């Protein structure tokens, strides 16, 4: 199958039947942000904002290059953002402002002297 034909006929996450190395299963603890991402997916689904099928389609819509570059939960975050933008629940400006607010709060927290217990 030509590269172009494969791009048209296969979704980025469709790897069935393709030659590949053995799957390397590595158990690791989830980072705090990964746990929050997973919880966010559950909340979005519970409130019927983004369901599992929309999330899957959102990840597939990222395309092969993005899917290959991003980690598992990074794909979820980008897919969530794109879906929320498309549904006009969130705007790029709102997201940028919130990200700036969080970054500022983190910098302030990091610059505070450590608290001592009395």
PDB file of N, CA and C in Angstrom:
ATOM      1  N   UNK A   1       0.859  -1.180   0.000  1.00  0.00           N
ATOM      2  CA  UNK A   1       0.000   0.000   0.000  1.00  0.00           C
ATOM      3  C   UNK A   1       0.902   1.240   0.000  1.00  0.00           C
ATOM      4  N   UNK A   2       0.638   2.188  -0.884  1.00  0.00           N
ATOM      5  CA  UNK A   2       1.451   3.401  -0.950  1.00  0.00           C
ATOM      6  C   UNK A   2       1.225   4.248   0.294  1.00  0.00           C
ATOM      7  N   UNK A   3       2.195   5.121   0.586  1.00  0.00           N
ATOM      8  CA  UNK A   3       2.073   6.002   1.761  1.00  0.00           C
ATOM      9  C   UNK A   3       0.825   6.868   1.664  1.00  0.00           C
ATOM     10  N   UNK A   4       0.563   7.405   0.479  1.00  0.00           N
ATOM     11  CA  UNK A   4      -0.613   8.264   0.302  1.00  0.00           C
ATOM     12  C   UNK A   4      -1.887   7.470   0.512  1.00  0.00           C
ATOM     13  N   UNK A   5      -1.947   6.302  -0.080  1.00  0.00           N
ATOM     14  CA  UNK A   5      -3.149   5.475   0.072  1.00  0.00           C
ATOM     15  C   UNK A   5      -3.362   5.100   1.539  1.00  0.00           C
ATOM     16  N   UNK A   6      -2.268   4.765   2.220  1.00  0.00           N
ATOM     17  CA  UNK A   6      -2.375   4.403   3.640  1.00  0.00           C
ATOM     18  C   UNK A   6      -2.894   5.584   4.460  1.00  0.00           C
ATOM     19  N   UNK A   7      -2.425   6.799   4.164  1.00  0.00           N
ATOM     20  CA  UNK A   7      -2.896   7.983   4.883  1.00  0.00           C
ATOM     21  C   UNK A   7      -4.390   8.203   4.688  1.00  0.00           C
ATOM     22  N   UNK A   8      -4.875   7.894   3.497  1.00  0.00           N
ATOM     23  CA  UNK A   8      -6.289   8.094   3.195  1.00  0.00           C
ATOM     24  C   UNK A   8      -7.144   6.981   3.785  1.00  0.00           C
ATOM     25  N   UNK A   9      -6.662   5.753   3.750  1.00  0.00           N
ATOM     26  CA  UNK A   9      -7.477   4.615   4.148  1.00  0.00           C
ATOM     27  C   UNK A   9      -7.363   4.234   5.619  1.00  0.00           C
ATOM     28  N   UNK A  10      -6.297   4.604   6.274  1.00  0.00           N
ATOM     29  CA  UNK A  10      -6.091   4.205   7.671  1.00  0.00           C
ATOM     30  C   UNK A  10      -6.093   5.418   8.581  1.00  0.00           C
ATOM     31  N   UNK A  11      -6.775   5.276   9.693  1.00  0.00           N
ATOM     32  CA  UNK A  11      -6.733   6.314  10.714  1.00  0.00           C
ATOM     33  C   UNK A  11      -5.402   6.214  11.447  1.00  0.00           C
ATOM     34  N   UNK A  12      -4.941   7.300  12.072  1.00  0.00           N
ATOM     35  CA  UNK A  12      -3.635   7.281  12.733  1.00  0.00           C
ATOM     36  C   UNK A  12      -3.518   6.211  13.817  1.00  0.00           C
ATOM     37  N   UNK A  13      -4.626   5.867  14.434  1.00  0.00           N
ATOM     38  CA  UNK A  13      -4.589   4.885  15.519  1.00  0.00           C
ATOM     39  C   UNK A  13      -4.841   3.463  15.035  1.00  0.00           C
ATOM     40  N   UNK A  14      -5.068   3.272  13.735  1.00  0.00           N
ATOM     41  CA  UNK A  14      -5.352   1.952  13.174  1.00  0.00           C
ATOM     42  C   UNK A  14      -4.038   1.281  12.797  1.00  0.00           C
ATOM     43  N   UNK A  15      -3.561   0.411  13.657  1.00  0.00           N
ATOM     44  CA  UNK A  15      -2.265  -0.233  13.436  1.00  0.00           C
ATOM     45  C   UNK A  15      -2.402  -1.725  13.176  1.00  0.00           C
ATOM     46  N   UNK A  16      -3.626  -2.216  13.137  1.00  0.00           N
ATOM     47  CA  UNK A  16      -3.853  -3.641  12.938  1.00  0.00           C
ATOM     48  C   UNK A  16      -3.245  -4.141  11.648  1.00  0.00           C
ATOM     49  N   UNK A  17      -2.522  -5.264  11.727  1.00  0.00           N
ATOM     50  CA  UNK A  17      -1.949  -5.894  10.545  1.00  0.00           C
ATOM     51  C   UNK A  17      -0.671  -5.254  10.048  1.00  0.00           C
ATOM     52  N   UNK A  18      -0.202  -4.206  10.696  1.00  0.00           N
ATOM     53  CA  UNK A  18       1.026  -3.538  10.268  1.00  0.00           C
ATOM     54  C   UNK A  18       2.234  -4.176  10.946  1.00  0.00           C
ATOM     55  N   UNK A  19       3.365  -4.254  10.246  1.00  0.00           N
ATOM     56  CA  UNK A  19       4.567  -4.778  10.901  1.00  0.00           C
ATOM     57  C   UNK A  19       4.987  -3.835  12.026  1.00  0.00           C
ATOM     58  N   UNK A  20       5.364  -4.409  13.141  1.00  0.00           N
ATOM     59  CA  UNK A  20       5.770  -3.597  14.283  1.00  0.00           C
ATOM     60  C   UNK A  20       6.600  -4.429  15.243  1.00  0.00           C
ATOM     61  N   UNK A  21       7.333  -3.746  16.083  1.00  0.00           N
ATOM     62  CA  UNK A  21       8.078  -4.415  17.144  1.00  0.00           C
ATOM     63  C   UNK A  21       7.091  -4.933  18.187  1.00  0.00           C
ATOM     64  N   UNK A  22       7.569  -5.781  19.048  1.00  0.00           N
ATOM     65  CA  UNK A  22       6.731  -6.290  20.129  1.00  0.00           C
ATOM     66  C   UNK A  22       6.312  -5.123  21.030  1.00  0.00           C
ATOM     67  N   UNK A  23       5.121  -5.224  21.568  1.00  0.00           N
ATOM     68  CA  UNK A  23       4.626  -4.189  22.475  1.00  0.00           C
ATOM     69  C   UNK A  23       5.402  -4.261  23.776  1.00  0.00           C
ATOM     70  N   UNK A  24       5.921  -3.139  24.182  1.00  0.00           N
ATOM     71  CA  UNK A  24       6.668  -3.053  25.432  1.00  0.00           C
ATOM     72  C   UNK A  24       5.735  -2.523  26.511  1.00  0.00           C
ATOM     73  N   UNK A  25       5.290  -3.399  27.369  1.00  0.00           N
ATOM     74  CA  UNK A  25       4.378  -3.003  28.450  1.00  0.00           C
ATOM     75  C   UNK A  25       5.220  -2.574  29.642  1.00  0.00           C
ATOM     76  N   UNK A  26       5.091  -1.320  29.991  1.00  0.00           N
ATOM     77  CA  UNK A  26       5.858  -0.782  31.104  1.00  0.00           C
ATOM     78  C   UNK A  26       4.875  -0.214  32.117  1.00  0.00           C
ATOM     79  N   UNK A  27       4.861  -0.789  33.289  1.00  0.00           N
ATOM     80  CA  UNK A  27       3.998  -0.273  34.351  1.00  0.00           C
ATOM     81  C   UNK A  27       4.660   0.964  34.942  1.00  0.00           C
ATOM     82  N   UNK A  28       3.879   2.005  35.096  1.00  0.00           N
ATOM     83  CA  UNK A  28       4.408   3.213  35.715  1.00  0.00           C
ATOM     84  C   UNK A  28       3.265   3.942  36.419  1.00  0.00           C
ATOM     85  N   UNK A  29       3.647   4.657  37.436  1.00  0.00           N
ATOM     86  CA  UNK A  29       2.644   5.450  38.154  1.00  0.00           C
ATOM     87  C   UNK A  29       2.248   6.619  37.266  1.00  0.00           C
ATOM     88  N   UNK A  30       0.973   6.960  37.298  1.00  0.00           N
ATOM     89  CA  UNK A  30       0.506   8.106  36.518  1.00  0.00           C
ATOM     90  C   UNK A  30       0.977   9.390  37.189  1.00  0.00           C
ATOM     91  N   UNK A  31       1.416  10.333  36.372  1.00  0.00           N
ATOM     92  CA  UNK A  31       1.783  11.650  36.887  1.00  0.00           C
ATOM     93  C   UNK A  31       0.506  12.362  37.342  1.00  0.00           C
ATOM     94  N   UNK A  32       0.630  13.294  38.287  1.00  0.00           N
ATOM     95  CA  UNK A  32      -0.576  13.995  38.759  1.00  0.00           C
ATOM     96  C   UNK A  32      -1.398  14.605  37.627  1.00  0.00           C
ATOM     97  N   UNK A  33      -0.745  15.201  36.615  1.00  0.00           N
ATOM     98  CA  UNK A  33      -1.506  15.819  35.529  1.00  0.00           C
ATOM     99  C   UNK A  33      -2.238  14.758  34.707  1.00  0.00           C
ATOM    100  N   UNK A  34      -1.673  13.550  34.592  1.00  0.00           N
ATOM    101  CA  UNK A  34      -2.346  12.477  33.871  1.00  0.00           C
ATOM    102  C   UNK A  34      -3.600  12.022  34.627  1.00  0.00           C
ATOM    103  N   UNK A  35      -3.490  11.954  35.947  1.00  0.00           N
ATOM    104  CA  UNK A  35      -4.658  11.603  36.771  1.00  0.00           C
ATOM    105  C   UNK A  35      -5.758  12.649  36.621  1.00  0.00           C
ATOM    106  N   UNK A  36      -5.364  13.937  36.597  1.00  0.00           N
ATOM    107  CA  UNK A  36      -6.347  15.012  36.428  1.00  0.00           C
ATOM    108  C   UNK A  36      -6.990  14.932  35.038  1.00  0.00           C
ATOM    109  N   UNK A  37      -6.197  14.596  34.035  1.00  0.00           N
ATOM    110  CA  UNK A  37      -6.724  14.458  32.671  1.00  0.00           C
ATOM    111  C   UNK A  37      -7.746  13.332  32.614  1.00  0.00           C
ATOM    112  N   UNK A  38      -7.420  12.213  33.247  1.00  0.00           N
ATOM    113  CA  UNK A  38      -8.349  11.089  33.257  1.00  0.00           C
ATOM    114  C   UNK A  38      -9.635  11.459  34.003  1.00  0.00           C
ATOM    115  N   UNK A  39      -9.490  12.162  35.127  1.00  0.00           N
ATOM    116  CA  UNK A  39     -10.660  12.611  35.880  1.00  0.00           C
ATOM    117  C   UNK A  39     -11.490  13.590  35.043  1.00  0.00           C
ATOM    118  N   UNK A  40     -10.824  14.472  34.310  1.00  0.00           N
ATOM    119  CA  UNK A  40     -11.529  15.417  33.445  1.00  0.00           C
ATOM    120  C   UNK A  40     -12.346  14.668  32.396  1.00  0.00           C
ATOM    121  N   UNK A  41     -11.767  13.623  31.815  1.00  0.00           N
ATOM    122  CA  UNK A  41     -12.499  12.820  30.822  1.00  0.00           C
ATOM    123  C   UNK A  41     -13.763  12.233  31.452  1.00  0.00           C
ATOM    124  N   UNK A  42     -13.636  11.734  32.685  1.00  0.00           N
ATOM    125  CA  UNK A  42     -14.800  11.169  33.376  1.00  0.00           C
ATOM    126  C   UNK A  42     -15.862  12.233  33.637  1.00  0.00           C
ATOM    127  N   UNK A  43     -15.441  13.413  34.056  1.00  0.00           N
ATOM    128  CA  UNK A  43     -16.390  14.508  34.339  1.00  0.00           C
ATOM    129  C   UNK A  43     -17.088  14.954  33.057  1.00  0.00           C
ATOM    130  N   UNK A  44     -16.315  15.128  31.982  1.00  0.00           N
ATOM    131  CA  UNK A  44     -16.904  15.543  30.708  1.00  0.00           C
ATOM    132  C   UNK A  44     -17.910  14.513  30.210  1.00  0.00           C
ATOM    133  N   UNK A  45     -17.606  13.242  30.402  1.00  0.00           N
ATOM    134  CA  UNK A  45     -18.528  12.181  29.988  1.00  0.00           C
ATOM    135  C   UNK A  45     -19.758  12.149  30.903  1.00  0.00           C
ATOM    136  N   UNK A  46     -19.539  12.239  32.208  1.00  0.00           N
ATOM    137  CA  UNK A  46     -20.650  12.203  33.165  1.00  0.00           C
ATOM    138  C   UNK A  46     -21.664  13.308  32.880  1.00  0.00           C
ATOM    139  N   UNK A  47     -21.159  14.496  32.553  1.00  0.00           N
ATOM    140  CA  UNK A  47     -22.037  15.643  32.284  1.00  0.00           C
ATOM    141  C   UNK A  47     -22.476  15.720  30.815  1.00  0.00           C
ATOM    142  N   UNK A  48     -22.163  14.669  30.062  1.00  0.00           N
ATOM    143  CA  UNK A  48     -22.580  14.543  28.655  1.00  0.00           C
ATOM    144  C   UNK A  48     -22.082  15.711  27.790  1.00  0.00           C
ATOM    145  N   UNK A  49     -20.849  16.125  28.063  1.00  0.00           N
ATOM    146  CA  UNK A  49     -20.218  17.190  27.284  1.00  0.00           C
ATOM    147  C   UNK A  49     -19.375  16.580  26.169  1.00  0.00           C
ATOM    148  N   UNK A  50     -18.540  15.594  26.526  1.00  0.00           N
ATOM    149  CA  UNK A  50     -17.737  14.847  25.548  1.00  0.00           C
ATOM    150  C   UNK A  50     -17.815  13.378  25.947  1.00  0.00           C
ATOM    151  N   UNK A  51     -18.288  12.539  25.017  1.00  0.00           N
ATOM    152  CA  UNK A  51     -18.360  11.122  25.340  1.00  0.00           C
ATOM    153  C   UNK A  51     -17.137  10.384  24.783  1.00  0.00           C
ATOM    154  N   UNK A  52     -17.043   9.114  25.109  1.00  0.00           N
ATOM    155  CA  UNK A  52     -15.895   8.304  24.707  1.00  0.00           C
ATOM    156  C   UNK A  52     -15.715   8.273  23.192  1.00  0.00           C
ATOM    157  N   UNK A  53     -16.800   8.160  22.465  1.00  0.00           N
ATOM    158  CA  UNK A  53     -16.724   8.118  21.002  1.00  0.00           C
ATOM    159  C   UNK A  53     -16.193   9.435  20.440  1.00  0.00           C
ATOM    160  N   UNK A  54     -16.657  10.553  20.997  1.00  0.00           N
ATOM    161  CA  UNK A  54     -16.154  11.863  20.542  1.00  0.00           C
ATOM    162  C   UNK A  54     -14.670  11.992  20.854  1.00  0.00           C
ATOM    163  N   UNK A  55     -14.255  11.515  22.025  1.00  0.00           N
ATOM    164  CA  UNK A  55     -12.839  11.582  22.394  1.00  0.00           C
ATOM    165  C   UNK A  55     -12.014  10.761  21.412  1.00  0.00           C
ATOM    166  N   UNK A  56     -12.471   9.544  21.090  1.00  0.00           N
ATOM    167  CA  UNK A  56     -11.748   8.691  20.152  1.00  0.00           C
ATOM    168  C   UNK A  56     -11.628   9.375  18.792  1.00  0.00           C
ATOM    169  N   UNK A  57     -12.748   9.904  18.300  1.00  0.00           N
ATOM    170  CA  UNK A  57     -12.734  10.613  17.014  1.00  0.00           C
ATOM    171  C   UNK A  57     -11.832  11.843  17.082  1.00  0.00           C
ATOM    172  N   UNK A  58     -11.852  12.524  18.217  1.00  0.00           N
ATOM    173  CA  UNK A  58     -11.003  13.706  18.399  1.00  0.00           C
ATOM    174  C   UNK A  58      -9.531  13.363  18.331  1.00  0.00           C
ATOM    175  N   UNK A  59      -9.145  12.242  18.925  1.00  0.00           N
ATOM    176  CA  UNK A  59      -7.745  11.805  18.862  1.00  0.00           C
ATOM    177  C   UNK A  59      -7.395  11.417  17.429  1.00  0.00           C
ATOM    178  N   UNK A  60      -8.275  10.667  16.774  1.00  0.00           N
ATOM    179  CA  UNK A  60      -8.003  10.264  15.388  1.00  0.00           C
ATOM    180  C   UNK A  60      -7.902  11.467  14.460  1.00  0.00           C
ATOM    181  N   UNK A  61      -8.669  12.513  14.737  1.00  0.00           N
ATOM    182  CA  UNK A  61      -8.654  13.712  13.891  1.00  0.00           C
ATOM    183  C   UNK A  61      -7.340  14.485  14.008  1.00  0.00           C
ATOM    184  N   UNK A  62      -6.534  14.157  15.011  1.00  0.00           N
ATOM    185  CA  UNK A  62      -5.254  14.859  15.169  1.00  0.00           C
ATOM    186  C   UNK A  62      -4.295  14.545  14.029  1.00  0.00           C
ATOM    187  N   UNK A  63      -4.468  13.398  13.407  1.00  0.00           N
ATOM    188  CA  UNK A  63      -3.590  13.007  12.311  1.00  0.00           C
ATOM    189  C   UNK A  63      -2.382  12.239  12.808  1.00  0.00           C
ATOM    190  N   UNK A  64      -1.769  11.529  11.905  1.00  0.00           N
ATOM    191  CA  UNK A  64      -0.671  10.622  12.237  1.00  0.00           C
ATOM    192  C   UNK A  64       0.495  11.338  12.895  1.00  0.00           C
ATOM    193  N   UNK A  65       0.884  12.478  12.361  1.00  0.00           N
ATOM    194  CA  UNK A  65       2.055  13.181  12.905  1.00  0.00           C
ATOM    195  C   UNK A  65       1.850  13.564  14.359  1.00  0.00           C
ATOM    196  N   UNK A  66       0.696  14.160  14.676  1.00  0.00           N
ATOM    197  CA  UNK A  66       0.421  14.558  16.062  1.00  0.00           C
ATOM    198  C   UNK A  66       0.280  13.344  16.970  1.00  0.00           C
ATOM    199  N   UNK A  67      -0.415  12.320  16.500  1.00  0.00           N
ATOM    200  CA  UNK A  67      -0.594  11.113  17.310  1.00  0.00           C
ATOM    201  C   UNK A  67       0.762  10.503  17.654  1.00  0.00           C
ATOM    202  N   UNK A  68       1.676  10.515  16.702  1.00  0.00           N
ATOM    203  CA  UNK A  68       3.001   9.942  16.946  1.00  0.00           C
ATOM    204  C   UNK A  68       3.876  10.808  17.845  1.00  0.00           C
ATOM    205  N   UNK A  69       3.637  12.107  17.878  1.00  0.00           N
ATOM    206  CA  UNK A  69       4.469  13.011  18.678  1.00  0.00           C
ATOM    207  C   UNK A  69       3.976  13.180  20.109  1.00  0.00           C
ATOM    208  N   UNK A  70       2.673  13.094  20.310  1.00  0.00           N
ATOM    209  CA  UNK A  70       2.106  13.355  21.631  1.00  0.00           C
ATOM    210  C   UNK A  70       2.000  12.084  22.462  1.00  0.00           C
ATOM    211  N   UNK A  71       2.093  12.266  23.775  1.00  0.00           N
ATOM    212  CA  UNK A  71       1.884  11.132  24.668  1.00  0.00           C
ATOM    213  C   UNK A  71       0.384  10.817  24.721  1.00  0.00           C
ATOM    214  N   UNK A  72       0.054   9.715  25.340  1.00  0.00           N
ATOM    215  CA  UNK A  72      -1.330   9.252  25.433  1.00  0.00           C
ATOM    216  C   UNK A  72      -2.256  10.331  25.976  1.00  0.00           C
ATOM    217  N   UNK A  73      -1.935  10.890  27.122  1.00  0.00           N
ATOM    218  CA  UNK A  73      -2.815  11.887  27.727  1.00  0.00           C
ATOM    219  C   UNK A  73      -2.694  13.258  27.061  1.00  0.00           C
ATOM    220  N   UNK A  74      -1.566  13.564  26.447  1.00  0.00           N
ATOM    221  CA  UNK A  74      -1.470  14.798  25.660  1.00  0.00           C
ATOM    222  C   UNK A  74      -2.457  14.754  24.497  1.00  0.00           C
ATOM    223  N   UNK A  75      -2.610  13.593  23.883  1.00  0.00           N
ATOM    224  CA  UNK A  75      -3.594  13.442  22.796  1.00  0.00           C
ATOM    225  C   UNK A  75      -4.997  13.738  23.319  1.00  0.00           C
ATOM    226  N   UNK A  76      -5.308  13.217  24.492  1.00  0.00           N
ATOM    227  CA  UNK A  76      -6.628  13.456  25.075  1.00  0.00           C
ATOM    228  C   UNK A  76      -6.867  14.946  25.263  1.00  0.00           C
ATOM    229  N   UNK A  77      -5.887  15.638  25.854  1.00  0.00           N
ATOM    230  CA  UNK A  77      -6.044  17.067  26.150  1.00  0.00           C
ATOM    231  C   UNK A  77      -6.288  17.855  24.866  1.00  0.00           C
ATOM    232  N   UNK A  78      -5.482  17.598  23.840  1.00  0.00           N
ATOM    233  CA  UNK A  78      -5.644  18.321  22.575  1.00  0.00           C
ATOM    234  C   UNK A  78      -7.007  18.007  21.955  1.00  0.00           C
ATOM    235  N   UNK A  79      -7.411  16.738  22.018  1.00  0.00           N
ATOM    236  CA  UNK A  79      -8.724  16.363  21.476  1.00  0.00           C
ATOM    237  C   UNK A  79      -9.842  17.067  22.247  1.00  0.00           C
ATOM    238  N   UNK A  80      -9.757  17.093  23.589  1.00  0.00           N
ATOM    239  CA  UNK A  80     -10.779  17.772  24.400  1.00  0.00           C
ATOM    240  C   UNK A  80     -10.889  19.245  24.006  1.00  0.00           C
ATOM    241  N   UNK A  81      -9.752  19.902  23.900  1.00  0.00           N
ATOM    242  CA  UNK A  81      -9.743  21.327  23.567  1.00  0.00           C
ATOM    243  C   UNK A  81     -10.392  21.557  22.204  1.00  0.00           C
ATOM    244  N   UNK A  82     -10.005  20.767  21.220  1.00  0.00           N
ATOM    245  CA  UNK A  82     -10.583  20.930  19.882  1.00  0.00           C
ATOM    246  C   UNK A  82     -12.097  20.723  19.893  1.00  0.00           C
ATOM    247  N   UNK A  83     -12.552  19.722  20.643  1.00  0.00           N
ATOM    248  CA  UNK A  83     -13.993  19.448  20.717  1.00  0.00           C
ATOM    249  C   UNK A  83     -14.714  20.593  21.430  1.00  0.00           C
ATOM    250  N   UNK A  84     -14.144  21.064  22.528  1.00  0.00           N
ATOM    251  CA  UNK A  84     -14.777  22.163  23.267  1.00  0.00           C
ATOM    252  C   UNK A  84     -14.811  23.445  22.430  1.00  0.00           C
ATOM    253  N   UNK A  85     -13.782  23.691  21.632  1.00  0.00           N
ATOM    254  CA  UNK A  85     -13.798  24.837  20.714  1.00  0.00           C
ATOM    255  C   UNK A  85     -14.903  24.659  19.677  1.00  0.00           C
ATOM    256  N   UNK A  86     -14.970  23.467  19.080  1.00  0.00           N
ATOM    257  CA  UNK A  86     -15.963  23.204  18.038  1.00  0.00           C
ATOM    258  C   UNK A  86     -17.383  23.350  18.577  1.00  0.00           C
ATOM    259  N   UNK A  87     -17.598  22.911  19.814  1.00  0.00           N
ATOM    260  CA  UNK A  87     -18.930  23.006  20.422  1.00  0.00           C
ATOM    261  C   UNK A  87     -19.202  24.397  21.006  1.00  0.00           C
ATOM    262  N   UNK A  88     -18.228  25.282  20.892  1.00  0.00           N
ATOM    263  CA  UNK A  88     -18.320  26.660  21.393  1.00  0.00           C
ATOM    264  C   UNK A  88     -18.607  26.705  22.891  1.00  0.00           C
ATOM    265  N   UNK A  89     -18.035  25.737  23.615  1.00  0.00           N
ATOM    266  CA  UNK A  89     -18.117  25.713  25.075  1.00  0.00           C
ATOM    267  C   UNK A  89     -16.938  26.483  25.651  1.00  0.00           C
ATOM    268  N   UNK A  90     -15.844  26.503  24.920  1.00  0.00           N
ATOM    269  CA  UNK A  90     -14.613  27.171  25.325  1.00  0.00           C
ATOM    270  C   UNK A  90     -14.058  27.892  24.098  1.00  0.00           C
ATOM    271  N   UNK A  91     -13.471  29.058  24.322  1.00  0.00           N
ATOM    272  CA  UNK A  91     -12.835  29.778  23.217  1.00  0.00           C
ATOM    273  C   UNK A  91     -11.321  29.756  23.408  1.00  0.00           C
ATOM    274  N   UNK A  92     -10.572  29.928  22.333  1.00  0.00           N
ATOM    275  CA  UNK A  92      -9.112  29.994  22.475  1.00  0.00           C
ATOM    276  C   UNK A  92      -8.680  31.099  23.438  1.00  0.00           C
ATOM    277  N   UNK A  93      -9.370  32.227  23.429  1.00  0.00           N
ATOM    278  CA  UNK A  93      -9.023  33.334  24.329  1.00  0.00           C
ATOM    279  C   UNK A  93      -9.237  32.934  25.778  1.00  0.00           C
ATOM    280  N   UNK A  94     -10.362  32.296  26.067  1.00  0.00           N
ATOM    281  CA  UNK A  94     -10.627  31.849  27.439  1.00  0.00           C
ATOM    282  C   UNK A  94      -9.562  30.870  27.916  1.00  0.00           C
ATOM    283  N   UNK A  95      -9.172  29.951  27.038  1.00  0.00           N
ATOM    284  CA  UNK A  95      -8.145  28.983  27.395  1.00  0.00           C
ATOM    285  C   UNK A  95      -6.808  29.680  27.642  1.00  0.00           C
ATOM    286  N   UNK A  96      -6.434  30.598  26.769  1.00  0.00           N
ATOM    287  CA  UNK A  96      -5.165  31.315  26.922  1.00  0.00           C
ATOM    288  C   UNK A  96      -5.135  32.112  28.219  1.00  0.00           C
ATOM    289  N   UNK A  97      -6.234  32.783  28.545  1.00  0.00           N
ATOM    290  CA  UNK A  97      -6.293  33.565  29.779  1.00  0.00           C
ATOM    291  C   UNK A  97      -6.172  32.672  31.007  1.00  0.00           C
ATOM    292  N   UNK A  98      -6.836  31.529  30.993  1.00  0.00           N
ATOM    293  CA  UNK A  98      -6.769  30.608  32.129  1.00  0.00           C
ATOM    294  C   UNK A  98      -5.364  30.036  32.267  1.00  0.00           C
ATOM    295  N   UNK A  99      -4.738  29.696  31.150  1.00  0.00           N
ATOM    296  CA  UNK A  99      -3.375  29.169  31.206  1.00  0.00           C
ATOM    297  C   UNK A  99      -2.414  30.212  31.769  1.00  0.00           C
ATOM    298  N   UNK A 100      -2.609  31.462  31.387  1.00  0.00           N
ATOM    299  CA  UNK A 100      -1.779  32.547  31.905  1.00  0.00           C
ATOM    300  C   UNK A 100      -2.006  32.722  33.408  1.00  0.00           C
ATOM    301  N   UNK A 101      -3.249  32.640  33.836  1.00  0.00           N
ATOM    302  CA  UNK A 101      -3.588  32.754  35.260  1.00  0.00           C
ATOM    303  C   UNK A 101      -2.914  31.641  36.079  1.00  0.00           C
ATOM    304  N   UNK A 102      -2.967  30.424  35.576  1.00  0.00           N
ATOM    305  CA  UNK A 102      -2.352  29.288  36.274  1.00  0.00           C
ATOM    306  C   UNK A 102      -0.834  29.460  36.329  1.00  0.00           C
ATOM    307  N   UNK A 103      -0.242  29.882  35.225  1.00  0.00           N
ATOM    308  CA  UNK A 103       1.213  30.078  35.187  1.00  0.00           C
ATOM    309  C   UNK A 103       1.647  31.149  36.187  1.00  0.00           C
ATOM    310  N   UNK A 104       0.912  32.238  36.257  1.00  0.00           N
ATOM    311  CA  UNK A 104       1.223  33.317  37.198  1.00  0.00           C
ATOM    312  C   UNK A 104       1.117  32.814  38.631  1.00  0.00           C
ATOM    313  N   UNK A 105       0.057  32.080  38.939  1.00  0.00           N
ATOM    314  CA  UNK A 105      -0.125  31.547  40.291  1.00  0.00           C
ATOM    315  C   UNK A 105       1.008  30.589  40.657  1.00  0.00           C
ATOM    316  N   UNK A 106       1.443  29.779  39.718  1.00  0.00           N
ATOM    317  CA  UNK A 106       2.549  28.851  39.988  1.00  0.00           C
ATOM    318  C   UNK A 106       3.845  29.606  40.262  1.00  0.00           C
ATOM    319  N   UNK A 107       4.120  30.633  39.465  1.00  0.00           N
ATOM    320  CA  UNK A 107       5.335  31.423  39.680  1.00  0.00           C
ATOM    321  C   UNK A 107       5.310  32.087  41.047  1.00  0.00           C
ATOM    322  N   UNK A 108       4.169  32.619  41.436  1.00  0.00           N
ATOM    323  CA  UNK A 108       4.047  33.257  42.749  1.00  0.00           C
ATOM    324  C   UNK A 108       4.273  32.235  43.851  1.00  0.00           C
ATOM    325  N   UNK A 109       3.708  31.069  43.692  1.00  0.00           N
ATOM    326  CA  UNK A 109       3.857  30.021  44.698  1.00  0.00           C
ATOM    327  C   UNK A 109       5.312  29.594  44.824  1.00  0.00           C
ATOM    328  N   UNK A 110       6.005  29.471  43.689  1.00  0.00           N
ATOM    329  CA  UNK A 110       7.408  29.052  43.694  1.00  0.00           C
ATOM    330  C   UNK A 110       8.316  30.100  44.317  1.00  0.00           C
ATOM    331  N   UNK A 111       7.946  31.372  44.225  1.00  0.00           N
ATOM    332  CA  UNK A 111       8.797  32.433  44.760  1.00  0.00           C
ATOM    333  C   UNK A 111       8.553  32.692  46.244  1.00  0.00           C
ATOM    334  N   UNK A 112       7.529  32.098  46.818  1.00  0.00           N
ATOM    335  CA  UNK A 112       7.254  32.274  48.242  1.00  0.00           C
ATOM    336  C   UNK A 112       8.271  31.479  49.053  1.00  0.00           C
ATOM    337  N   UNK A 113       8.718  32.064  50.186  1.00  0.00           N
ATOM    338  CA  UNK A 113       9.652  31.311  51.027  1.00  0.00           C
ATOM    339  C   UNK A 113       8.925  30.111  51.656  1.00  0.00           C
ATOM    340  N   UNK A 114       9.664  29.043  51.924  1.00  0.00           N
ATOM    341  CA  UNK A 114       9.029  27.870  52.537  1.00  0.00           C
ATOM    342  C   UNK A 114       8.454  28.212  53.908  1.00  0.00           C
ATOM    343  N   UNK A 115       7.335  27.619  54.220  1.00  0.00           N
ATOM    344  CA  UNK A 115       6.714  27.865  55.525  1.00  0.00           C
ATOM    345  C   UNK A 115       7.355  26.976  56.558  1.00  0.00           C
ATOM    346  N   UNK A 116       7.557  27.548  57.742  1.00  0.00           N
ATOM    347  CA  UNK A 116       8.088  26.769  58.863  1.00  0.00           C
ATOM    348  C   UNK A 116       6.980  26.506  59.840  1.00  0.00           C
ATOM    349  N   UNK A 117       6.967  25.334  60.414  1.00  0.00           N
ATOM    350  CA  UNK A 117       5.937  24.983  61.379  1.00  0.00           C
ATOM    351  C   UNK A 117       6.381  25.410  62.759  1.00  0.00           C
ATOM    352  N   UNK A 118       5.485  26.039  63.482  1.00  0.00           N
ATOM    353  CA  UNK A 118       5.816  26.532  64.824  1.00  0.00           C
ATOM    354  C   UNK A 118       5.205  25.623  65.861  1.00  0.00           C
TER     355      UNK A 118
END
